[in-house]
Amino acid sequence: MKTINNQSKVSFADDVLREVWRIKDDLSASYGHDLDRLFAEAKERQRISGRPTVNLANHSGPCLNVNPEAIHP
């Protein structure tokens, strides 16, 4: 059984984070770093996909009816 030391885990995590940040930066740059433009395009893609979506804009209160004491007694 192969074991992975902590340094390997950290290095892998760093590589993953670098890749996520690169993708984020590329996506942002493709919209001229304009969040309004990026989200408008995302909403349009969502609209034309025909898939159901969730809108929590008018939602108030907890998403789940869970007794907090059941989670943290």
N, C-alpha and C. Protein backbone atom coordinates (compact mmCIF):
# COMPACT_ATOMS: atom_id res chain seq x y z
N MET A 1 0.84 -1.17 0.00
CA MET A 1 0.00 0.00 0.00
C MET A 1 0.89 1.25 0.00
N LYS A 2 0.64 2.14 -0.93
CA LYS A 2 1.45 3.36 -1.05
C LYS A 2 0.92 4.42 -0.08
N THR A 3 1.82 5.04 0.63
CA THR A 3 1.42 6.12 1.53
C THR A 3 1.85 7.45 0.93
N ILE A 4 1.09 8.48 1.21
CA ILE A 4 1.39 9.83 0.73
C ILE A 4 1.72 10.68 1.94
N ASN A 5 2.89 11.30 1.92
CA ASN A 5 3.27 12.12 3.06
C ASN A 5 2.55 13.48 2.98
N ASN A 6 2.60 14.21 4.07
CA ASN A 6 1.90 15.49 4.14
C ASN A 6 2.41 16.49 3.11
N GLN A 7 3.72 16.46 2.83
CA GLN A 7 4.28 17.39 1.84
C GLN A 7 3.66 17.13 0.47
N SER A 8 3.46 15.87 0.09
CA SER A 8 2.83 15.54 -1.19
C SER A 8 1.41 16.05 -1.24
N LYS A 9 0.68 15.90 -0.12
CA LYS A 9 -0.69 16.39 -0.06
C LYS A 9 -0.74 17.90 -0.23
N VAL A 10 0.16 18.61 0.43
CA VAL A 10 0.20 20.07 0.34
C VAL A 10 0.54 20.48 -1.08
N SER A 11 1.51 19.83 -1.68
CA SER A 11 1.92 20.15 -3.05
C SER A 11 0.76 19.93 -4.01
N PHE A 12 0.04 18.82 -3.87
CA PHE A 12 -1.12 18.55 -4.72
C PHE A 12 -2.19 19.61 -4.52
N ALA A 13 -2.45 19.97 -3.26
CA ALA A 13 -3.46 20.99 -2.96
C ALA A 13 -3.05 22.32 -3.58
N ASP A 14 -1.77 22.66 -3.49
CA ASP A 14 -1.28 23.90 -4.10
C ASP A 14 -1.49 23.88 -5.60
N ASP A 15 -1.20 22.74 -6.24
CA ASP A 15 -1.39 22.61 -7.69
C ASP A 15 -2.86 22.79 -8.07
N VAL A 16 -3.74 22.18 -7.30
CA VAL A 16 -5.17 22.30 -7.57
C VAL A 16 -5.62 23.75 -7.41
N LEU A 17 -5.19 24.39 -6.33
CA LEU A 17 -5.57 25.79 -6.12
C LEU A 17 -5.03 26.70 -7.22
N ARG A 18 -3.80 26.46 -7.66
CA ARG A 18 -3.24 27.25 -8.76
C ARG A 18 -4.08 27.10 -10.02
N GLU A 19 -4.51 25.87 -10.31
CA GLU A 19 -5.32 25.62 -11.50
C GLU A 19 -6.69 26.29 -11.38
N VAL A 20 -7.32 26.22 -10.22
CA VAL A 20 -8.61 26.87 -10.01
C VAL A 20 -8.47 28.38 -10.19
N TRP A 21 -7.44 28.97 -9.61
CA TRP A 21 -7.22 30.41 -9.76
C TRP A 21 -6.93 30.79 -11.20
N ARG A 22 -6.19 29.95 -11.94
CA ARG A 22 -5.91 30.23 -13.35
C ARG A 22 -7.21 30.24 -14.15
N ILE A 23 -8.06 29.25 -13.92
CA ILE A 23 -9.34 29.17 -14.62
C ILE A 23 -10.20 30.38 -14.28
N LYS A 24 -10.25 30.74 -13.00
CA LYS A 24 -11.02 31.91 -12.57
C LYS A 24 -10.51 33.17 -13.26
N ASP A 25 -9.19 33.34 -13.29
CA ASP A 25 -8.62 34.53 -13.92
C ASP A 25 -8.90 34.55 -15.42
N ASP A 26 -8.81 33.40 -16.08
CA ASP A 26 -9.10 33.33 -17.51
C ASP A 26 -10.55 33.66 -17.80
N LEU A 27 -11.45 33.12 -16.98
CA LEU A 27 -12.87 33.39 -17.16
C LEU A 27 -13.16 34.87 -16.95
N SER A 28 -12.61 35.44 -15.90
CA SER A 28 -12.80 36.86 -15.62
C SER A 28 -12.26 37.71 -16.77
N ALA A 29 -11.09 37.39 -17.26
CA ALA A 29 -10.49 38.15 -18.35
C ALA A 29 -11.32 38.06 -19.62
N SER A 30 -11.95 36.91 -19.85
CA SER A 30 -12.75 36.75 -21.07
C SER A 30 -13.99 37.65 -21.07
N TYR A 31 -14.37 38.16 -19.92
CA TYR A 31 -15.49 39.10 -19.81
C TYR A 31 -14.99 40.50 -19.44
N GLY A 32 -13.74 40.76 -19.70
CA GLY A 32 -13.18 42.07 -19.40
C GLY A 32 -13.22 42.41 -17.92
N HIS A 33 -13.18 41.39 -17.08
CA HIS A 33 -13.23 41.56 -15.61
C HIS A 33 -14.50 42.31 -15.19
N ASP A 34 -15.57 42.11 -15.97
CA ASP A 34 -16.87 42.76 -15.72
C ASP A 34 -17.84 41.72 -15.18
N LEU A 35 -18.06 41.76 -13.85
CA LEU A 35 -18.94 40.76 -13.23
C LEU A 35 -20.37 40.83 -13.74
N ASP A 36 -20.86 42.03 -14.01
CA ASP A 36 -22.22 42.16 -14.53
C ASP A 36 -22.36 41.42 -15.86
N ARG A 37 -21.37 41.57 -16.73
CA ARG A 37 -21.37 40.89 -18.02
C ARG A 37 -21.27 39.38 -17.84
N LEU A 38 -20.39 38.94 -16.95
CA LEU A 38 -20.21 37.51 -16.71
C LEU A 38 -21.51 36.89 -16.20
N PHE A 39 -22.15 37.53 -15.22
CA PHE A 39 -23.38 36.96 -14.66
C PHE A 39 -24.55 37.06 -15.63
N ALA A 40 -24.61 38.10 -16.45
CA ALA A 40 -25.66 38.20 -17.46
C ALA A 40 -25.54 37.04 -18.45
N GLU A 41 -24.32 36.75 -18.88
CA GLU A 41 -24.10 35.63 -19.80
C GLU A 41 -24.44 34.31 -19.13
N ALA A 42 -24.06 34.14 -17.87
CA ALA A 42 -24.38 32.90 -17.15
C ALA A 42 -25.89 32.72 -17.02
N LYS A 43 -26.60 33.81 -16.72
CA LYS A 43 -28.06 33.74 -16.62
C LYS A 43 -28.69 33.37 -17.95
N GLU A 44 -28.15 33.93 -19.03
CA GLU A 44 -28.68 33.62 -20.36
C GLU A 44 -28.44 32.15 -20.71
N ARG A 45 -27.24 31.65 -20.42
CA ARG A 45 -26.97 30.22 -20.67
C ARG A 45 -27.90 29.35 -19.85
N GLN A 46 -28.15 29.77 -18.61
CA GLN A 46 -29.06 29.03 -17.73
C GLN A 46 -30.48 29.05 -18.31
N ARG A 47 -30.92 30.21 -18.80
CA ARG A 47 -32.27 30.35 -19.35
C ARG A 47 -32.46 29.47 -20.57
N ILE A 48 -31.50 29.50 -21.49
CA ILE A 48 -31.68 28.73 -22.73
C ILE A 48 -31.43 27.23 -22.54
N SER A 49 -30.85 26.84 -21.40
CA SER A 49 -30.60 25.42 -21.16
C SER A 49 -31.90 24.64 -20.98
N GLY A 50 -32.95 25.33 -20.51
CA GLY A 50 -34.22 24.65 -20.28
C GLY A 50 -34.24 23.83 -19.01
N ARG A 51 -33.16 23.82 -18.29
CA ARG A 51 -33.11 23.05 -17.05
C ARG A 51 -33.76 23.86 -15.92
N PRO A 52 -34.37 23.17 -14.96
CA PRO A 52 -34.94 23.90 -13.83
C PRO A 52 -33.84 24.55 -12.99
N THR A 53 -34.13 25.70 -12.45
CA THR A 53 -33.17 26.41 -11.61
C THR A 53 -33.80 26.76 -10.28
N VAL A 54 -32.96 27.09 -9.34
CA VAL A 54 -33.41 27.48 -8.01
C VAL A 54 -33.18 28.98 -7.86
N ASN A 55 -34.20 29.69 -7.37
CA ASN A 55 -34.08 31.12 -7.13
C ASN A 55 -34.37 31.36 -5.65
N LEU A 56 -33.35 31.74 -4.91
CA LEU A 56 -33.52 31.98 -3.48
C LEU A 56 -33.64 33.47 -3.16
N ALA A 57 -33.87 34.30 -4.18
CA ALA A 57 -33.93 35.74 -3.99
C ALA A 57 -35.02 36.13 -2.99
N ASN A 58 -36.13 35.45 -3.02
CA ASN A 58 -37.24 35.80 -2.13
C ASN A 58 -37.36 34.84 -0.95
N HIS A 59 -36.34 34.03 -0.77
CA HIS A 59 -36.36 33.04 0.30
C HIS A 59 -35.89 33.69 1.60
N SER A 60 -36.59 33.41 2.66
CA SER A 60 -36.14 33.89 3.96
C SER A 60 -36.18 32.72 4.94
N GLY A 61 -35.28 32.77 5.87
CA GLY A 61 -35.25 31.71 6.87
C GLY A 61 -34.29 30.61 6.48
N PRO A 62 -34.19 29.60 7.35
CA PRO A 62 -33.26 28.51 7.09
C PRO A 62 -33.71 27.66 5.90
N CYS A 63 -32.74 27.11 5.18
CA CYS A 63 -33.05 26.25 4.04
C CYS A 63 -33.61 24.91 4.49
N LEU A 64 -33.20 24.47 5.65
CA LEU A 64 -33.66 23.19 6.17
C LEU A 64 -34.31 23.41 7.53
N ASN A 65 -35.32 22.66 7.79
CA ASN A 65 -35.97 22.73 9.10
C ASN A 65 -35.28 21.71 10.00
N VAL A 66 -34.15 22.13 10.55
CA VAL A 66 -33.32 21.24 11.36
C VAL A 66 -33.17 21.84 12.75
N ASN A 67 -33.30 21.03 13.74
CA ASN A 67 -33.08 21.46 15.11
C ASN A 67 -31.58 21.60 15.32
N PRO A 68 -31.06 22.82 15.57
CA PRO A 68 -29.61 23.00 15.75
C PRO A 68 -29.03 22.13 16.86
N GLU A 69 -29.83 21.81 17.88
CA GLU A 69 -29.33 20.97 18.96
C GLU A 69 -29.08 19.55 18.49
N ALA A 70 -29.75 19.15 17.41
CA ALA A 70 -29.52 17.80 16.87
C ALA A 70 -28.15 17.74 16.19
N ILE A 71 -27.67 18.88 15.72
CA ILE A 71 -26.39 18.92 15.04
C ILE A 71 -25.27 19.12 16.06
N HIS A 72 -25.48 20.05 16.99
CA HIS A 72 -24.48 20.36 18.01
C HIS A 72 -25.09 20.23 19.41
N PRO A 73 -25.16 18.98 19.90
CA PRO A 73 -25.81 18.77 21.20
C PRO A 73 -25.03 19.41 22.34
